[in-house]
């Protein structure tokens, strides 16, 4: 059986540990390297207690990845870190990188308006943006994994993207606290989040340009996303309510057919009609559940899309991309 030699950069963060859990039981994977900035020298079993196969691997310094011959590197480093250190890591040309940060999702002009500029020595074109349900032609090479909010919203909009060109789309979206990563910001500590609900980055969230760019690139659809993110007092999960106003009354049966046709061969997407999904439906899975509903005496369509931000919104989707890259069953590891 083929064994893919894998390394993880930033293995001690939330997404890194999710990758470690899933890859530990993947039949075609051999974890060779775990990198981090902290807890260097400890064993993987100290981070995740129920590992069965790769618990004895020691945590190494991220920069030591240059000493390993790997097939795939998953980068779970914070935004900006992979781009800044790509040359320093001296990753071999034959090694495929799957980056879970925003470093390579957008072309330079858009990226530089929303993030810190990438080093001039780094070419973003060597990475391909892959959300498997909308562009599953995955060849070996470097992959930019989609953002978590972007995943839930793009999956909710793609089936009808061509029909909503030139529209302003309102997205009310809510995420668990793990979406912010392991943060010491006061607004993310338990006492602030518990029994609370708050908005943040209204109109300025960095997944807005990602969603708009991919819709335009894939469907020639010029859509303005009005995104209002909220922080939920839960650990994991994203619920995105997407509101679209049409000129005429919405035919829910026609919309339902467009969604079911679009996702008919997709293992991880479930479409619900007149039944709206909840975050608990998808927690700890790589699934996306999408609900469709119209308002009585209204021409407004509600698309409700839920995912687990740590799995379908990050680590699980990265493994799905790796499976497709090696022509494996995309559900391996889940």
C-alpha atoms as a PDB file:
ATOM      1  CA  UNK A   1       0.000   0.000   0.000  1.00  0.00           C
ATOM      2  CA  UNK A   2       1.247   3.466  -0.921  1.00  0.00           C
ATOM      3  CA  UNK A   3       2.381   5.519   2.063  1.00  0.00           C
ATOM      4  CA  UNK A   4       2.463   9.309   1.731  1.00  0.00           C
ATOM      5  CA  UNK A   5       5.240  10.783   3.875  1.00  0.00           C
ATOM      6  CA  UNK A   6       3.725  13.777   5.650  1.00  0.00           C
ATOM      7  CA  UNK A   7       4.989  16.687   7.722  1.00  0.00           C
ATOM      8  CA  UNK A   8       2.975  19.297   9.638  1.00  0.00           C
ATOM      9  CA  UNK A   9       4.206  22.827  10.301  1.00  0.00           C
ATOM     10  CA  UNK A  10       2.529  24.492  13.270  1.00  0.00           C
ATOM     11  CA  UNK A  11       1.393  21.130  14.613  1.00  0.00           C
ATOM     12  CA  UNK A  12       0.465  22.389  18.090  1.00  0.00           C
ATOM     13  CA  UNK A  13      -2.296  24.813  17.013  1.00  0.00           C
ATOM     14  CA  UNK A  14      -5.969  23.858  16.727  1.00  0.00           C
ATOM     15  CA  UNK A  15      -5.804  22.976  13.021  1.00  0.00           C
ATOM     16  CA  UNK A  16      -2.451  21.219  13.424  1.00  0.00           C
ATOM     17  CA  UNK A  17      -3.820  18.977  16.153  1.00  0.00           C
ATOM     18  CA  UNK A  18      -6.951  18.215  14.115  1.00  0.00           C
ATOM     19  CA  UNK A  19      -4.692  17.142  11.249  1.00  0.00           C
ATOM     20  CA  UNK A  20      -2.675  14.971  13.609  1.00  0.00           C
ATOM     21  CA  UNK A  21      -5.843  13.222  14.863  1.00  0.00           C
ATOM     22  CA  UNK A  22      -7.191  12.545  11.368  1.00  0.00           C
ATOM     23  CA  UNK A  23      -3.901  11.562   9.728  1.00  0.00           C
ATOM     24  CA  UNK A  24      -3.057   9.185  12.589  1.00  0.00           C
ATOM     25  CA  UNK A  25      -5.729   6.799  11.286  1.00  0.00           C
ATOM     26  CA  UNK A  26      -5.308   7.479   7.545  1.00  0.00           C
ATOM     27  CA  UNK A  27      -4.343   4.152   5.906  1.00  0.00           C
ATOM     28  CA  UNK A  28      -2.111   5.773   3.261  1.00  0.00           C
ATOM     29  CA  UNK A  29      -0.212   8.219   5.466  1.00  0.00           C
ATOM     30  CA  UNK A  30       3.041   8.023   7.394  1.00  0.00           C
ATOM     31  CA  UNK A  31       3.601  11.075   9.602  1.00  0.00           C
ATOM     32  CA  UNK A  32       7.323  11.816   9.560  1.00  0.00           C
ATOM     33  CA  UNK A  33       7.674  15.385  10.875  1.00  0.00           C
ATOM     34  CA  UNK A  34       5.826  17.573  13.380  1.00  0.00           C
ATOM     35  CA  UNK A  35       7.027  21.172  13.682  1.00  0.00           C
ATOM     36  CA  UNK A  36       6.220  23.932  16.158  1.00  0.00           C
ATOM     37  CA  UNK A  37       7.556  27.061  17.839  1.00  0.00           C
ATOM     38  CA  UNK A  38       6.877  25.683  21.327  1.00  0.00           C
ATOM     39  CA  UNK A  39       6.775  22.358  23.242  1.00  0.00           C
ATOM     40  CA  UNK A  40       9.750  21.259  21.127  1.00  0.00           C
ATOM     41  CA  UNK A  41      11.058  17.883  22.291  1.00  0.00           C
ATOM     42  CA  UNK A  42       7.727  16.576  23.588  1.00  0.00           C
ATOM     43  CA  UNK A  43       6.029  13.595  21.967  1.00  0.00           C
ATOM     44  CA  UNK A  44       2.853  13.885  19.915  1.00  0.00           C
ATOM     45  CA  UNK A  45       1.045  11.743  22.481  1.00  0.00           C
ATOM     46  CA  UNK A  46       1.480  14.617  24.968  1.00  0.00           C
ATOM     47  CA  UNK A  47      -0.674  16.784  22.686  1.00  0.00           C
ATOM     48  CA  UNK A  48      -3.259  14.217  21.608  1.00  0.00           C
ATOM     49  CA  UNK A  49      -3.649  11.393  24.112  1.00  0.00           C
ATOM     50  CA  UNK A  50      -5.451   8.828  21.944  1.00  0.00           C
ATOM     51  CA  UNK A  51      -3.040   8.576  19.005  1.00  0.00           C
ATOM     52  CA  UNK A  52      -2.635   4.964  17.875  1.00  0.00           C
ATOM     53  CA  UNK A  53       0.145   5.055  15.292  1.00  0.00           C
ATOM     54  CA  UNK A  54       2.280   8.184  15.495  1.00  0.00           C
ATOM     55  CA  UNK A  55       2.195   9.162  19.163  1.00  0.00           C
ATOM     56  CA  UNK A  56       5.938   8.700  19.652  1.00  0.00           C
ATOM     57  CA  UNK A  57       7.003  11.331  17.113  1.00  0.00           C
ATOM     58  CA  UNK A  58       8.875  14.186  18.791  1.00  0.00           C
ATOM     59  CA  UNK A  59       7.904  17.817  18.170  1.00  0.00           C
ATOM     60  CA  UNK A  60      10.696  19.515  16.218  1.00  0.00           C
ATOM     61  CA  UNK A  61      11.468  23.103  15.333  1.00  0.00           C
ATOM     62  CA  UNK A  62       9.581  24.206  12.223  1.00  0.00           C
ATOM     63  CA  UNK A  63      12.768  25.230  10.409  1.00  0.00           C
ATOM     64  CA  UNK A  64      14.190  21.690  10.700  1.00  0.00           C
ATOM     65  CA  UNK A  65      11.714  20.525   8.085  1.00  0.00           C
ATOM     66  CA  UNK A  66      14.459  21.161   5.513  1.00  0.00           C
ATOM     67  CA  UNK A  67      16.181  17.989   6.750  1.00  0.00           C
ATOM     68  CA  UNK A  68      13.306  15.681   5.777  1.00  0.00           C
ATOM     69  CA  UNK A  69      12.260  14.039   2.515  1.00  0.00           C
ATOM     70  CA  UNK A  70       8.497  14.494   2.454  1.00  0.00           C
ATOM     71  CA  UNK A  71       5.725  13.979  -0.084  1.00  0.00           C
ATOM     72  CA  UNK A  72       3.292  16.461   1.484  1.00  0.00           C
ATOM     73  CA  UNK A  73       3.666  19.314   3.955  1.00  0.00           C
ATOM     74  CA  UNK A  74       0.589  20.716   5.677  1.00  0.00           C
ATOM     75  CA  UNK A  75       1.299  24.252   6.852  1.00  0.00           C
ATOM     76  CA  UNK A  76      -0.841  25.346   9.810  1.00  0.00           C
ATOM     77  CA  UNK A  77       1.299  28.389  10.527  1.00  0.00           C
ATOM     78  CA  UNK A  78      -0.347  31.772  11.257  1.00  0.00           C
ATOM     79  CA  UNK A  79      -1.032  34.101   8.328  1.00  0.00           C
ATOM     80  CA  UNK A  80       2.175  35.441   6.830  1.00  0.00           C
ATOM     81  CA  UNK A  81       4.527  32.893   8.380  1.00  0.00           C
ATOM     82  CA  UNK A  82       4.791  30.417   5.503  1.00  0.00           C
ATOM     83  CA  UNK A  83       5.329  33.131   2.893  1.00  0.00           C
ATOM     84  CA  UNK A  84       7.956  34.775   5.098  1.00  0.00           C
ATOM     85  CA  UNK A  85       9.824  31.524   5.777  1.00  0.00           C
ATOM     86  CA  UNK A  86       9.345  29.596   2.537  1.00  0.00           C
ATOM     87  CA  UNK A  87      12.934  30.161   1.401  1.00  0.00           C
ATOM     88  CA  UNK A  88      14.293  29.498   4.895  1.00  0.00           C
ATOM     89  CA  UNK A  89      12.504  26.149   5.112  1.00  0.00           C
ATOM     90  CA  UNK A  90      14.235  25.019   1.877  1.00  0.00           C
ATOM     91  CA  UNK A  91      11.366  22.723   0.944  1.00  0.00           C
ATOM     92  CA  UNK A  92      12.260  20.328  -1.853  1.00  0.00           C
ATOM     93  CA  UNK A  93      10.658  20.977  -5.266  1.00  0.00           C
ATOM     94  CA  UNK A  94       9.055  17.542  -5.400  1.00  0.00           C
ATOM     95  CA  UNK A  95       7.276  18.115  -2.070  1.00  0.00           C
ATOM     96  CA  UNK A  96       3.645  19.259  -2.282  1.00  0.00           C
ATOM     97  CA  UNK A  97       2.582  21.987   0.165  1.00  0.00           C
ATOM     98  CA  UNK A  98      -0.997  22.384   1.377  1.00  0.00           C
ATOM     99  CA  UNK A  99      -1.222  25.767   3.095  1.00  0.00           C
ATOM    100  CA  UNK A 100      -4.096  26.314   5.539  1.00  0.00           C
ATOM    101  CA  UNK A 101      -3.375  30.036   5.981  1.00  0.00           C
ATOM    102  CA  UNK A 102      -4.365  32.920   3.705  1.00  0.00           C
ATOM    103  CA  UNK A 103      -0.826  33.411   2.356  1.00  0.00           C
ATOM    104  CA  UNK A 104      -1.514  32.173  -1.181  1.00  0.00           C
ATOM    105  CA  UNK A 105      -5.293  32.292  -1.686  1.00  0.00           C
ATOM    106  CA  UNK A 106      -5.402  35.595  -3.553  1.00  0.00           C
ATOM    107  CA  UNK A 107      -3.424  37.273  -6.358  1.00  0.00           C
ATOM    108  CA  UNK A 108      -0.955  39.955  -5.280  1.00  0.00           C
ATOM    109  CA  UNK A 109      -3.140  42.993  -5.998  1.00  0.00           C
ATOM    110  CA  UNK A 110      -6.049  41.771  -3.853  1.00  0.00           C
ATOM    111  CA  UNK A 111      -3.873  40.127  -1.206  1.00  0.00           C
ATOM    112  CA  UNK A 112      -1.879  43.286  -0.563  1.00  0.00           C
ATOM    113  CA  UNK A 113      -5.051  45.298   0.063  1.00  0.00           C
ATOM    114  CA  UNK A 114      -6.159  42.966   2.868  1.00  0.00           C
ATOM    115  CA  UNK A 115      -3.003  41.349   4.283  1.00  0.00           C
ATOM    116  CA  UNK A 116       0.642  42.215   4.762  1.00  0.00           C
ATOM    117  CA  UNK A 117       2.522  42.127   1.482  1.00  0.00           C
ATOM    118  CA  UNK A 118       4.142  38.846   0.557  1.00  0.00           C
ATOM    119  CA  UNK A 119       7.935  38.828   0.171  1.00  0.00           C
ATOM    120  CA  UNK A 120       8.927  39.686  -3.412  1.00  0.00           C
ATOM    121  CA  UNK A 121      10.907  36.447  -3.599  1.00  0.00           C
ATOM    122  CA  UNK A 122       7.706  34.386  -3.231  1.00  0.00           C
ATOM    123  CA  UNK A 123       5.480  33.658  -6.230  1.00  0.00           C
ATOM    124  CA  UNK A 124       1.861  33.050  -5.219  1.00  0.00           C
ATOM    125  CA  UNK A 125       1.146  31.514  -8.633  1.00  0.00           C
ATOM    126  CA  UNK A 126       2.851  28.297  -7.566  1.00  0.00           C
ATOM    127  CA  UNK A 127      -0.208  27.654  -5.333  1.00  0.00           C
ATOM    128  CA  UNK A 128      -3.642  26.648  -6.633  1.00  0.00           C
ATOM    129  CA  UNK A 129      -6.796  27.487  -4.675  1.00  0.00           C
ATOM    130  CA  UNK A 130      -8.814  24.291  -4.251  1.00  0.00           C
ATOM    131  CA  UNK A 131     -12.272  23.929  -2.740  1.00  0.00           C
ATOM    132  CA  UNK A 132     -12.973  20.348  -3.884  1.00  0.00           C
ATOM    133  CA  UNK A 133     -16.728  20.681  -4.409  1.00  0.00           C
ATOM    134  CA  UNK A 134     -16.308  23.512  -6.917  1.00  0.00           C
ATOM    135  CA  UNK A 135     -12.888  22.771  -8.485  1.00  0.00           C
ATOM    136  CA  UNK A 136     -11.833  19.198  -7.885  1.00  0.00           C
ATOM    137  CA  UNK A 137      -9.243  18.935 -10.646  1.00  0.00           C
ATOM    138  CA  UNK A 138      -6.439  18.484  -8.139  1.00  0.00           C
ATOM    139  CA  UNK A 139      -3.014  17.685  -9.533  1.00  0.00           C
ATOM    140  CA  UNK A 140       0.182  17.296  -7.576  1.00  0.00           C
ATOM    141  CA  UNK A 141       1.547  20.690  -6.649  1.00  0.00           C
ATOM    142  CA  UNK A 142       0.992  23.340  -4.020  1.00  0.00           C
ATOM    143  CA  UNK A 143      -2.521  24.031  -2.747  1.00  0.00           C
ATOM    144  CA  UNK A 144      -3.992  27.071  -0.997  1.00  0.00           C
ATOM    145  CA  UNK A 145      -6.695  25.687   1.298  1.00  0.00           C
ATOM    146  CA  UNK A 146      -9.838  27.893   1.485  1.00  0.00           C
ATOM    147  CA  UNK A 147     -10.782  29.930   4.553  1.00  0.00           C
ATOM    148  CA  UNK A 148     -13.456  28.639   6.929  1.00  0.00           C
ATOM    149  CA  UNK A 149     -16.080  31.368   6.438  1.00  0.00           C
ATOM    150  CA  UNK A 150     -15.299  31.345   2.718  1.00  0.00           C
ATOM    151  CA  UNK A 151     -15.932  27.588   2.559  1.00  0.00           C
ATOM    152  CA  UNK A 152     -19.378  27.777   4.139  1.00  0.00           C
ATOM    153  CA  UNK A 153     -20.421  30.782   2.018  1.00  0.00           C
ATOM    154  CA  UNK A 154     -18.961  29.609  -1.301  1.00  0.00           C
ATOM    155  CA  UNK A 155     -20.664  26.235  -0.923  1.00  0.00           C
ATOM    156  CA  UNK A 156     -23.903  28.098  -0.244  1.00  0.00           C
ATOM    157  CA  UNK A 157     -23.624  30.419  -3.257  1.00  0.00           C
ATOM    158  CA  UNK A 158     -21.880  28.435  -6.001  1.00  0.00           C
ATOM    159  CA  UNK A 159     -24.932  26.512  -7.344  1.00  0.00           C
ATOM    160  CA  UNK A 160     -26.714  29.770  -8.217  1.00  0.00           C
ATOM    161  CA  UNK A 161     -23.736  32.117  -8.635  1.00  0.00           C
ATOM    162  CA  UNK A 162     -24.514  32.857 -12.286  1.00  0.00           C
ATOM    163  CA  UNK A 163     -28.078  33.876 -11.422  1.00  0.00           C
ATOM    164  CA  UNK A 164     -27.130  36.432  -8.782  1.00  0.00           C
ATOM    165  CA  UNK A 165     -24.608  38.456 -10.770  1.00  0.00           C
ATOM    166  CA  UNK A 166     -24.403  42.158  -9.835  1.00  0.00           C
ATOM    167  CA  UNK A 167     -26.267  41.626  -6.562  1.00  0.00           C
ATOM    168  CA  UNK A 168     -25.470  42.738  -3.015  1.00  0.00           C
ATOM    169  CA  UNK A 169     -25.632  39.597  -0.877  1.00  0.00           C
ATOM    170  CA  UNK A 170     -26.103  39.883   2.895  1.00  0.00           C
ATOM    171  CA  UNK A 171     -24.370  37.160   4.908  1.00  0.00           C
ATOM    172  CA  UNK A 172     -25.009  36.842   8.637  1.00  0.00           C
ATOM    173  CA  UNK A 173     -22.362  34.354   9.774  1.00  0.00           C
ATOM    174  CA  UNK A 174     -21.376  33.021  13.183  1.00  0.00           C
ATOM    175  CA  UNK A 175     -18.299  31.050  14.283  1.00  0.00           C
ATOM    176  CA  UNK A 176     -17.032  29.273  17.353  1.00  0.00           C
ATOM    177  CA  UNK A 177     -14.012  30.737  19.133  1.00  0.00           C
ATOM    178  CA  UNK A 178     -11.538  28.199  17.708  1.00  0.00           C
ATOM    179  CA  UNK A 179     -11.797  30.062  14.397  1.00  0.00           C
ATOM    180  CA  UNK A 180      -9.494  32.709  15.889  1.00  0.00           C
ATOM    181  CA  UNK A 181      -6.789  30.113  16.597  1.00  0.00           C
ATOM    182  CA  UNK A 182      -4.965  29.838  19.912  1.00  0.00           C
ATOM    183  CA  UNK A 183      -5.252  33.489  20.838  1.00  0.00           C
ATOM    184  CA  UNK A 184      -4.451  35.420  23.997  1.00  0.00           C
ATOM    185  CA  UNK A 185      -6.619  38.373  22.973  1.00  0.00           C
ATOM    186  CA  UNK A 186      -8.938  39.426  25.782  1.00  0.00           C
ATOM    187  CA  UNK A 187     -12.039  39.154  23.572  1.00  0.00           C
ATOM    188  CA  UNK A 188     -11.309  35.444  23.067  1.00  0.00           C
ATOM    189  CA  UNK A 189     -10.878  34.385  26.693  1.00  0.00           C
ATOM    190  CA  UNK A 190     -13.600  32.317  28.397  1.00  0.00           C
ATOM    191  CA  UNK A 191     -14.944  35.057  30.656  1.00  0.00           C
ATOM    192  CA  UNK A 192     -15.534  37.364  27.672  1.00  0.00           C
ATOM    193  CA  UNK A 193     -16.989  34.786  25.278  1.00  0.00           C
ATOM    194  CA  UNK A 194     -19.141  32.767  27.663  1.00  0.00           C
ATOM    195  CA  UNK A 195     -22.839  33.753  27.678  1.00  0.00           C
ATOM    196  CA  UNK A 196     -22.134  36.391  25.064  1.00  0.00           C
ATOM    197  CA  UNK A 197     -22.635  37.062  21.352  1.00  0.00           C
ATOM    198  CA  UNK A 198     -20.655  39.740  19.561  1.00  0.00           C
ATOM    199  CA  UNK A 199     -19.998  41.045  16.048  1.00  0.00           C
ATOM    200  CA  UNK A 200     -16.542  41.796  14.684  1.00  0.00           C
ATOM    201  CA  UNK A 201     -14.827  42.845  11.439  1.00  0.00           C
ATOM    202  CA  UNK A 202     -18.135  44.027   9.952  1.00  0.00           C
ATOM    203  CA  UNK A 203     -17.485  44.759   6.274  1.00  0.00           C
ATOM    204  CA  UNK A 204     -13.752  44.252   6.722  1.00  0.00           C
ATOM    205  CA  UNK A 205     -13.426  40.499   7.203  1.00  0.00           C
ATOM    206  CA  UNK A 206     -10.629  39.088   5.051  1.00  0.00           C
ATOM    207  CA  UNK A 207     -12.746  36.253   3.679  1.00  0.00           C
ATOM    208  CA  UNK A 208     -14.914  38.796   1.823  1.00  0.00           C
ATOM    209  CA  UNK A 209     -12.404  39.359  -1.027  1.00  0.00           C
ATOM    210  CA  UNK A 210     -11.700  35.608  -1.158  1.00  0.00           C
ATOM    211  CA  UNK A 211     -15.378  34.796  -1.726  1.00  0.00           C
ATOM    212  CA  UNK A 212     -15.847  37.556  -4.299  1.00  0.00           C
ATOM    213  CA  UNK A 213     -12.658  36.632  -6.178  1.00  0.00           C
ATOM    214  CA  UNK A 214     -13.519  32.921  -6.445  1.00  0.00           C
ATOM    215  CA  UNK A 215     -17.108  33.614  -7.560  1.00  0.00           C
ATOM    216  CA  UNK A 216     -15.828  35.922 -10.276  1.00  0.00           C
ATOM    217  CA  UNK A 217     -13.035  33.581 -11.343  1.00  0.00           C
ATOM    218  CA  UNK A 218     -15.161  30.424 -11.432  1.00  0.00           C
ATOM    219  CA  UNK A 219     -18.533  31.758 -12.566  1.00  0.00           C
ATOM    220  CA  UNK A 220     -17.859  35.253 -13.993  1.00  0.00           C
ATOM    221  CA  UNK A 221     -20.252  36.455 -11.282  1.00  0.00           C
ATOM    222  CA  UNK A 222     -19.613  39.955  -9.932  1.00  0.00           C
ATOM    223  CA  UNK A 223     -21.174  39.840  -6.458  1.00  0.00           C
ATOM    224  CA  UNK A 224     -20.760  42.205  -3.516  1.00  0.00           C
ATOM    225  CA  UNK A 225     -20.726  40.279  -0.238  1.00  0.00           C
ATOM    226  CA  UNK A 226     -21.956  42.226   2.805  1.00  0.00           C
ATOM    227  CA  UNK A 227     -20.585  39.965   5.534  1.00  0.00           C
ATOM    228  CA  UNK A 228     -21.381  40.355   9.236  1.00  0.00           C
ATOM    229  CA  UNK A 229     -19.355  37.863  11.336  1.00  0.00           C
ATOM    230  CA  UNK A 230     -20.264  36.986  14.922  1.00  0.00           C
ATOM    231  CA  UNK A 231     -18.399  35.183  17.674  1.00  0.00           C
ATOM    232  CA  UNK A 232     -20.398  32.392  19.305  1.00  0.00           C
ATOM    233  CA  UNK A 233     -19.779  31.143  22.863  1.00  0.00           C
ATOM    234  CA  UNK A 234     -18.947  27.656  21.540  1.00  0.00           C
ATOM    235  CA  UNK A 235     -15.669  26.001  20.577  1.00  0.00           C
ATOM    236  CA  UNK A 236     -16.277  24.943  16.976  1.00  0.00           C
ATOM    237  CA  UNK A 237     -18.662  25.343  14.071  1.00  0.00           C
ATOM    238  CA  UNK A 238     -19.830  27.970  11.556  1.00  0.00           C
ATOM    239  CA  UNK A 239     -23.374  28.863  10.572  1.00  0.00           C
ATOM    240  CA  UNK A 240     -23.759  31.200   7.599  1.00  0.00           C
ATOM    241  CA  UNK A 241     -27.210  32.610   6.797  1.00  0.00           C
ATOM    242  CA  UNK A 242     -27.163  34.061   3.268  1.00  0.00           C
ATOM    243  CA  UNK A 243     -30.021  36.362   2.225  1.00  0.00           C
ATOM    244  CA  UNK A 244     -30.696  36.987  -1.473  1.00  0.00           C
ATOM    245  CA  UNK A 245     -33.458  39.237  -2.770  1.00  0.00           C
ATOM    246  CA  UNK A 246     -34.791  38.405  -6.239  1.00  0.00           C
ATOM    247  CA  UNK A 247     -36.968  40.522  -8.516  1.00  0.00           C
ATOM    248  CA  UNK A 248     -39.681  37.861  -8.591  1.00  0.00           C
ATOM    249  CA  UNK A 249     -41.064  35.277  -6.216  1.00  0.00           C
ATOM    250  CA  UNK A 250     -38.611  32.443  -5.592  1.00  0.00           C
ATOM    251  CA  UNK A 251     -39.492  28.957  -6.828  1.00  0.00           C
ATOM    252  CA  UNK A 252     -38.042  26.868  -3.995  1.00  0.00           C
ATOM    253  CA  UNK A 253     -38.425  23.602  -5.926  1.00  0.00           C
ATOM    254  CA  UNK A 254     -36.351  24.987  -8.802  1.00  0.00           C
ATOM    255  CA  UNK A 255     -33.660  26.245  -6.399  1.00  0.00           C
ATOM    256  CA  UNK A 256     -33.603  22.908  -4.574  1.00  0.00           C
ATOM    257  CA  UNK A 257     -33.072  21.083  -7.889  1.00  0.00           C
ATOM    258  CA  UNK A 258     -30.185  23.383  -8.838  1.00  0.00           C
ATOM    259  CA  UNK A 259     -28.460  22.610  -5.516  1.00  0.00           C
ATOM    260  CA  UNK A 260     -29.059  18.855  -5.633  1.00  0.00           C
ATOM    261  CA  UNK A 261     -27.891  18.678  -9.258  1.00  0.00           C
ATOM    262  CA  UNK A 262     -24.796  20.745  -8.480  1.00  0.00           C
ATOM    263  CA  UNK A 263     -23.794  18.545  -5.521  1.00  0.00           C
ATOM    264  CA  UNK A 264     -25.163  15.191  -6.698  1.00  0.00           C
ATOM    265  CA  UNK A 265     -21.740  13.499  -6.704  1.00  0.00           C
ATOM    266  CA  UNK A 266     -20.333  15.208  -3.611  1.00  0.00           C
ATOM    267  CA  UNK A 267     -19.946  12.977  -0.555  1.00  0.00           C
ATOM    268  CA  UNK A 268     -19.668  15.747   2.008  1.00  0.00           C
ATOM    269  CA  UNK A 269     -22.581  18.037   1.057  1.00  0.00           C
ATOM    270  CA  UNK A 270     -26.207  17.491   2.098  1.00  0.00           C
ATOM    271  CA  UNK A 271     -29.047  19.717   0.827  1.00  0.00           C
ATOM    272  CA  UNK A 272     -32.152  20.236   2.984  1.00  0.00           C
ATOM    273  CA  UNK A 273     -35.412  21.800   1.770  1.00  0.00           C
ATOM    274  CA  UNK A 274     -37.678  23.598   4.286  1.00  0.00           C
ATOM    275  CA  UNK A 275     -35.389  22.330   7.032  1.00  0.00           C
ATOM    276  CA  UNK A 276     -32.559  24.483   8.296  1.00  0.00           C
ATOM    277  CA  UNK A 277     -29.390  22.788   9.580  1.00  0.00           C
ATOM    278  CA  UNK A 278     -27.722  23.340  12.945  1.00  0.00           C
ATOM    279  CA  UNK A 279     -24.032  23.424  13.848  1.00  0.00           C
ATOM    280  CA  UNK A 280     -24.389  20.215  15.876  1.00  0.00           C
ATOM    281  CA  UNK A 281     -25.342  18.408  12.661  1.00  0.00           C
ATOM    282  CA  UNK A 282     -21.790  18.784  11.329  1.00  0.00           C
ATOM    283  CA  UNK A 283     -19.473  19.129  14.339  1.00  0.00           C
ATOM    284  CA  UNK A 284     -16.435  16.795  14.187  1.00  0.00           C
ATOM    285  CA  UNK A 285     -17.188  15.937  10.524  1.00  0.00           C
ATOM    286  CA  UNK A 286     -16.023  17.099   7.091  1.00  0.00           C
ATOM    287  CA  UNK A 287     -19.639  17.671   6.072  1.00  0.00           C
ATOM    288  CA  UNK A 288     -21.471  20.783   4.919  1.00  0.00           C
ATOM    289  CA  UNK A 289     -25.247  20.893   5.366  1.00  0.00           C
ATOM    290  CA  UNK A 290     -27.165  23.495   3.367  1.00  0.00           C
ATOM    291  CA  UNK A 291     -30.763  24.483   4.076  1.00  0.00           C
ATOM    292  CA  UNK A 292     -33.020  26.409   1.681  1.00  0.00           C
ATOM    293  CA  UNK A 293     -36.061  28.418   2.684  1.00  0.00           C
ATOM    294  CA  UNK A 294     -38.250  31.210   1.350  1.00  0.00           C
ATOM    295  CA  UNK A 295     -40.189  33.751   3.358  1.00  0.00           C
ATOM    296  CA  UNK A 296     -43.974  33.866   3.026  1.00  0.00           C
ATOM    297  CA  UNK A 297     -45.150  36.582   0.619  1.00  0.00           C
ATOM    298  CA  UNK A 298     -41.538  37.521  -0.084  1.00  0.00           C
ATOM    299  CA  UNK A 299     -39.021  37.244  -2.899  1.00  0.00           C
ATOM    300  CA  UNK A 300     -36.131  36.609  -0.486  1.00  0.00           C
ATOM    301  CA  UNK A 301     -34.254  33.304  -0.451  1.00  0.00           C
ATOM    302  CA  UNK A 302     -32.434  32.132   2.681  1.00  0.00           C
ATOM    303  CA  UNK A 303     -29.492  29.776   2.217  1.00  0.00           C
ATOM    304  CA  UNK A 304     -28.220  28.411   5.521  1.00  0.00           C
ATOM    305  CA  UNK A 305     -24.819  26.676   5.379  1.00  0.00           C
ATOM    306  CA  UNK A 306     -23.124  24.951   8.327  1.00  0.00           C
ATOM    307  CA  UNK A 307     -19.664  23.396   8.669  1.00  0.00           C
ATOM    308  CA  UNK A 308     -17.160  22.514  11.368  1.00  0.00           C
ATOM    309  CA  UNK A 309     -14.592  25.310  10.980  1.00  0.00           C
ATOM    310  CA  UNK A 310     -11.696  23.122  12.161  1.00  0.00           C
ATOM    311  CA  UNK A 311     -12.467  20.224   9.820  1.00  0.00           C
ATOM    312  CA  UNK A 312     -14.348  21.154   6.625  1.00  0.00           C
ATOM    313  CA  UNK A 313     -13.174  24.734   7.177  1.00  0.00           C
ATOM    314  CA  UNK A 314      -9.521  23.749   7.595  1.00  0.00           C
ATOM    315  CA  UNK A 315      -7.852  20.399   8.389  1.00  0.00           C
ATOM    316  CA  UNK A 316     -10.451  18.027   6.973  1.00  0.00           C
ATOM    317  CA  UNK A 317     -10.633  19.913   3.707  1.00  0.00           C
ATOM    318  CA  UNK A 318      -6.824  19.848   3.513  1.00  0.00           C
ATOM    319  CA  UNK A 319      -6.882  16.041   3.864  1.00  0.00           C
ATOM    320  CA  UNK A 320      -9.667  15.845   1.275  1.00  0.00           C
ATOM    321  CA  UNK A 321      -7.417  17.824  -1.081  1.00  0.00           C
ATOM    322  CA  UNK A 322      -4.486  15.504  -0.388  1.00  0.00           C
ATOM    323  CA  UNK A 323      -6.649  12.446  -1.123  1.00  0.00           C
ATOM    324  CA  UNK A 324      -7.703  13.913  -4.466  1.00  0.00           C
ATOM    325  CA  UNK A 325      -4.100  14.864  -5.229  1.00  0.00           C
ATOM    326  CA  UNK A 326      -3.082  11.199  -4.943  1.00  0.00           C
ATOM    327  CA  UNK A 327      -6.244   9.831  -6.632  1.00  0.00           C
ATOM    328  CA  UNK A 328      -7.422   8.252  -3.376  1.00  0.00           C
ATOM    329  CA  UNK A 329     -10.992   7.992  -2.093  1.00  0.00           C
ATOM    330  CA  UNK A 330     -11.592  11.537  -0.836  1.00  0.00           C
ATOM    331  CA  UNK A 331     -13.299  10.239   2.325  1.00  0.00           C
ATOM    332  CA  UNK A 332     -10.188   8.398   3.604  1.00  0.00           C
ATOM    333  CA  UNK A 333      -9.244   9.617   7.061  1.00  0.00           C
ATOM    334  CA  UNK A 334     -12.790  10.534   8.073  1.00  0.00           C
END
